[in-house]
């Protein structure tokens, strides 16, 4: 159901490039981020390959952690901004999402995203932004 989701620990930067280089999910997220940023007079986010892989790796690692532990909280990292989204599997509870402000923050120039699915089917999406 989820594409480009690592199934094992990434040990090498070349594996990160392989895992996320052609991800439609990342491309779609970047596109929609820029649609909303344009509506709020923010410059578009760009892809700087080396930084994107690092942000995507961090976002994917955090999404995996949240899905595995069945918790929903922000990573405490002063060097990146963060948005979280969670959709429960039962559909009876409303979506839980983080702050819109970070998405359109003028100072952010790069974004990385990750998604994971919990054992109960809950989908967790994490977006990291730099600079925060």
C-alpha atoms as a PDB file:
ATOM      1  CA  UNK A   1       0.000   0.000   0.000  1.00  0.00           C
ATOM      2  CA  UNK A   2       2.880   2.406   0.700  1.00  0.00           C
ATOM      3  CA  UNK A   3       5.564   2.807  -1.935  1.00  0.00           C
ATOM      4  CA  UNK A   4       9.220   3.542  -1.306  1.00  0.00           C
ATOM      5  CA  UNK A   5       8.960   2.549   2.353  1.00  0.00           C
ATOM      6  CA  UNK A   6      12.230   1.094   3.592  1.00  0.00           C
ATOM      7  CA  UNK A   7      11.871  -2.393   4.990  1.00  0.00           C
ATOM      8  CA  UNK A   8      15.311  -2.537   6.544  1.00  0.00           C
ATOM      9  CA  UNK A   9      17.784  -0.168   8.121  1.00  0.00           C
ATOM     10  CA  UNK A  10      19.606   2.016   5.601  1.00  0.00           C
ATOM     11  CA  UNK A  11      23.335   1.597   6.067  1.00  0.00           C
ATOM     12  CA  UNK A  12      24.742   3.612   3.204  1.00  0.00           C
ATOM     13  CA  UNK A  13      23.959   6.965   1.556  1.00  0.00           C
ATOM     14  CA  UNK A  14      23.695   5.214  -1.832  1.00  0.00           C
ATOM     15  CA  UNK A  15      20.823   3.160  -0.396  1.00  0.00           C
ATOM     16  CA  UNK A  16      19.068   6.374   0.601  1.00  0.00           C
ATOM     17  CA  UNK A  17      19.378   7.669  -2.954  1.00  0.00           C
ATOM     18  CA  UNK A  18      17.939   4.428  -4.302  1.00  0.00           C
ATOM     19  CA  UNK A  19      15.059   4.431  -1.845  1.00  0.00           C
ATOM     20  CA  UNK A  20      13.886   7.998  -2.428  1.00  0.00           C
ATOM     21  CA  UNK A  21      15.282   9.206  -5.738  1.00  0.00           C
ATOM     22  CA  UNK A  22      12.222   8.391  -7.830  1.00  0.00           C
ATOM     23  CA  UNK A  23       9.506   8.621  -5.205  1.00  0.00           C
ATOM     24  CA  UNK A  24       6.176   9.867  -6.549  1.00  0.00           C
ATOM     25  CA  UNK A  25       5.134  10.498  -2.951  1.00  0.00           C
ATOM     26  CA  UNK A  26       8.003  12.947  -2.383  1.00  0.00           C
ATOM     27  CA  UNK A  27       7.434  14.636  -5.736  1.00  0.00           C
ATOM     28  CA  UNK A  28       3.703  14.997  -5.041  1.00  0.00           C
ATOM     29  CA  UNK A  29       4.346  16.355  -1.543  1.00  0.00           C
ATOM     30  CA  UNK A  30       6.810  18.919  -2.860  1.00  0.00           C
ATOM     31  CA  UNK A  31       4.346  19.970  -5.572  1.00  0.00           C
ATOM     32  CA  UNK A  32       1.477  20.459  -3.097  1.00  0.00           C
ATOM     33  CA  UNK A  33       3.724  22.261  -0.630  1.00  0.00           C
ATOM     34  CA  UNK A  34       4.590  24.727  -3.377  1.00  0.00           C
ATOM     35  CA  UNK A  35       0.936  25.188  -4.372  1.00  0.00           C
ATOM     36  CA  UNK A  36       0.109  26.266  -0.816  1.00  0.00           C
ATOM     37  CA  UNK A  37       3.298  28.302  -0.499  1.00  0.00           C
ATOM     38  CA  UNK A  38       2.410  30.227  -3.653  1.00  0.00           C
ATOM     39  CA  UNK A  39      -1.065  30.984  -2.256  1.00  0.00           C
ATOM     40  CA  UNK A  40       0.613  32.502   0.800  1.00  0.00           C
ATOM     41  CA  UNK A  41       3.325  34.439  -1.077  1.00  0.00           C
ATOM     42  CA  UNK A  42       6.156  32.124   0.009  1.00  0.00           C
ATOM     43  CA  UNK A  43       8.903  31.135  -2.434  1.00  0.00           C
ATOM     44  CA  UNK A  44       8.824  27.539  -3.684  1.00  0.00           C
ATOM     45  CA  UNK A  45      10.765  24.832  -1.917  1.00  0.00           C
ATOM     46  CA  UNK A  46      13.539  23.427  -4.053  1.00  0.00           C
ATOM     47  CA  UNK A  47      15.259  20.085  -4.171  1.00  0.00           C
ATOM     48  CA  UNK A  48      18.919  20.133  -3.231  1.00  0.00           C
ATOM     49  CA  UNK A  49      19.718  16.477  -3.670  1.00  0.00           C
ATOM     50  CA  UNK A  50      22.174  15.889  -0.836  1.00  0.00           C
ATOM     51  CA  UNK A  51      20.093  17.820   1.689  1.00  0.00           C
ATOM     52  CA  UNK A  52      16.831  16.290   0.443  1.00  0.00           C
ATOM     53  CA  UNK A  53      18.107  12.764   1.074  1.00  0.00           C
ATOM     54  CA  UNK A  54      19.152  13.707   4.595  1.00  0.00           C
ATOM     55  CA  UNK A  55      15.773  15.348   5.340  1.00  0.00           C
ATOM     56  CA  UNK A  56      13.871  12.425   3.802  1.00  0.00           C
ATOM     57  CA  UNK A  57      15.939   9.923   5.755  1.00  0.00           C
ATOM     58  CA  UNK A  58      15.254  11.766   9.026  1.00  0.00           C
ATOM     59  CA  UNK A  59      11.547  12.111   8.199  1.00  0.00           C
ATOM     60  CA  UNK A  60      11.252   8.438   7.232  1.00  0.00           C
ATOM     61  CA  UNK A  61      13.071   7.321  10.365  1.00  0.00           C
ATOM     62  CA  UNK A  62      10.751   9.420  12.534  1.00  0.00           C
ATOM     63  CA  UNK A  63       7.624   8.205  10.688  1.00  0.00           C
ATOM     64  CA  UNK A  64       8.769   4.602  11.228  1.00  0.00           C
ATOM     65  CA  UNK A  65       9.341   5.318  14.930  1.00  0.00           C
ATOM     66  CA  UNK A  66       5.909   6.919  15.417  1.00  0.00           C
ATOM     67  CA  UNK A  67       4.150   4.095  13.559  1.00  0.00           C
ATOM     68  CA  UNK A  68       6.062   1.409  15.472  1.00  0.00           C
ATOM     69  CA  UNK A  69       5.487   2.960  18.912  1.00  0.00           C
ATOM     70  CA  UNK A  70       1.913   4.027  18.081  1.00  0.00           C
ATOM     71  CA  UNK A  71       2.663   7.521  19.432  1.00  0.00           C
ATOM     72  CA  UNK A  72       2.329  10.988  17.915  1.00  0.00           C
ATOM     73  CA  UNK A  73       4.768  13.659  19.041  1.00  0.00           C
ATOM     74  CA  UNK A  74       7.341  16.021  17.591  1.00  0.00           C
ATOM     75  CA  UNK A  75      11.019  15.228  17.291  1.00  0.00           C
ATOM     76  CA  UNK A  76      12.971  17.635  19.481  1.00  0.00           C
ATOM     77  CA  UNK A  77      15.422  19.029  16.923  1.00  0.00           C
ATOM     78  CA  UNK A  78      16.228  22.730  16.736  1.00  0.00           C
ATOM     79  CA  UNK A  79      17.856  22.390  13.296  1.00  0.00           C
ATOM     80  CA  UNK A  80      14.710  21.346  11.427  1.00  0.00           C
ATOM     81  CA  UNK A  81      11.061  22.348  11.336  1.00  0.00           C
ATOM     82  CA  UNK A  82       8.489  19.570  11.417  1.00  0.00           C
ATOM     83  CA  UNK A  83       4.905  18.788  10.482  1.00  0.00           C
ATOM     84  CA  UNK A  84       3.093  15.593  11.427  1.00  0.00           C
ATOM     85  CA  UNK A  85      -0.022  13.966   9.996  1.00  0.00           C
ATOM     86  CA  UNK A  86      -1.795  10.851  11.178  1.00  0.00           C
ATOM     87  CA  UNK A  87      -4.849   9.090   9.773  1.00  0.00           C
ATOM     88  CA  UNK A  88      -6.309   6.347  11.964  1.00  0.00           C
ATOM     89  CA  UNK A  89      -7.238   3.098  10.241  1.00  0.00           C
ATOM     90  CA  UNK A  90     -10.832   2.987  11.490  1.00  0.00           C
ATOM     91  CA  UNK A  91     -11.899   6.249   9.829  1.00  0.00           C
ATOM     92  CA  UNK A  92     -14.039   7.108  12.871  1.00  0.00           C
ATOM     93  CA  UNK A  93     -11.593   9.631  14.271  1.00  0.00           C
ATOM     94  CA  UNK A  94     -10.710  12.851  12.484  1.00  0.00           C
ATOM     95  CA  UNK A  95      -7.269  13.326  10.996  1.00  0.00           C
ATOM     96  CA  UNK A  96      -4.642  14.706  13.348  1.00  0.00           C
ATOM     97  CA  UNK A  97      -2.248  17.180  11.810  1.00  0.00           C
ATOM     98  CA  UNK A  98       0.489  19.553  12.833  1.00  0.00           C
ATOM     99  CA  UNK A  99       1.092  23.206  12.148  1.00  0.00           C
ATOM    100  CA  UNK A 100       0.307  24.856   8.812  1.00  0.00           C
ATOM    101  CA  UNK A 101       2.708  27.706   9.578  1.00  0.00           C
ATOM    102  CA  UNK A 102       5.812  25.603   8.943  1.00  0.00           C
ATOM    103  CA  UNK A 103       4.521  24.577   5.517  1.00  0.00           C
ATOM    104  CA  UNK A 104       4.420  28.200   4.316  1.00  0.00           C
ATOM    105  CA  UNK A 105       7.332  29.558   6.392  1.00  0.00           C
ATOM    106  CA  UNK A 106       9.194  31.977   4.101  1.00  0.00           C
ATOM    107  CA  UNK A 107      12.622  31.072   5.494  1.00  0.00           C
ATOM    108  CA  UNK A 108      12.327  27.356   4.693  1.00  0.00           C
ATOM    109  CA  UNK A 109      13.960  26.387   1.409  1.00  0.00           C
ATOM    110  CA  UNK A 110      14.022  22.582   1.504  1.00  0.00           C
ATOM    111  CA  UNK A 111      11.636  19.830   2.562  1.00  0.00           C
ATOM    112  CA  UNK A 112      11.920  16.085   3.145  1.00  0.00           C
ATOM    113  CA  UNK A 113       9.030  13.699   3.793  1.00  0.00           C
ATOM    114  CA  UNK A 114       8.497  10.170   5.031  1.00  0.00           C
ATOM    115  CA  UNK A 115       5.477   7.955   5.611  1.00  0.00           C
ATOM    116  CA  UNK A 116       4.832   4.732   7.462  1.00  0.00           C
ATOM    117  CA  UNK A 117       1.936   2.469   8.339  1.00  0.00           C
ATOM    118  CA  UNK A 118       1.420   1.065  11.836  1.00  0.00           C
ATOM    119  CA  UNK A 119       0.443  -2.533  12.543  1.00  0.00           C
ATOM    120  CA  UNK A 120      -3.130  -1.317  13.055  1.00  0.00           C
ATOM    121  CA  UNK A 121      -3.171   0.404   9.661  1.00  0.00           C
ATOM    122  CA  UNK A 122      -2.677   3.963  10.906  1.00  0.00           C
ATOM    123  CA  UNK A 123      -0.799   6.108   8.377  1.00  0.00           C
ATOM    124  CA  UNK A 124       1.814   8.535   9.687  1.00  0.00           C
ATOM    125  CA  UNK A 125       3.379  11.232   7.500  1.00  0.00           C
ATOM    126  CA  UNK A 126       6.301  13.353   8.668  1.00  0.00           C
ATOM    127  CA  UNK A 127       7.630  16.448   6.890  1.00  0.00           C
ATOM    128  CA  UNK A 128      10.936  18.055   7.845  1.00  0.00           C
ATOM    129  CA  UNK A 129      11.899  21.574   6.772  1.00  0.00           C
ATOM    130  CA  UNK A 130      15.191  23.427   6.637  1.00  0.00           C
ATOM    131  CA  UNK A 131      16.022  25.912   7.717  1.00  0.00           C
ATOM    132  CA  UNK A 132      13.262  25.863  10.366  1.00  0.00           C
END
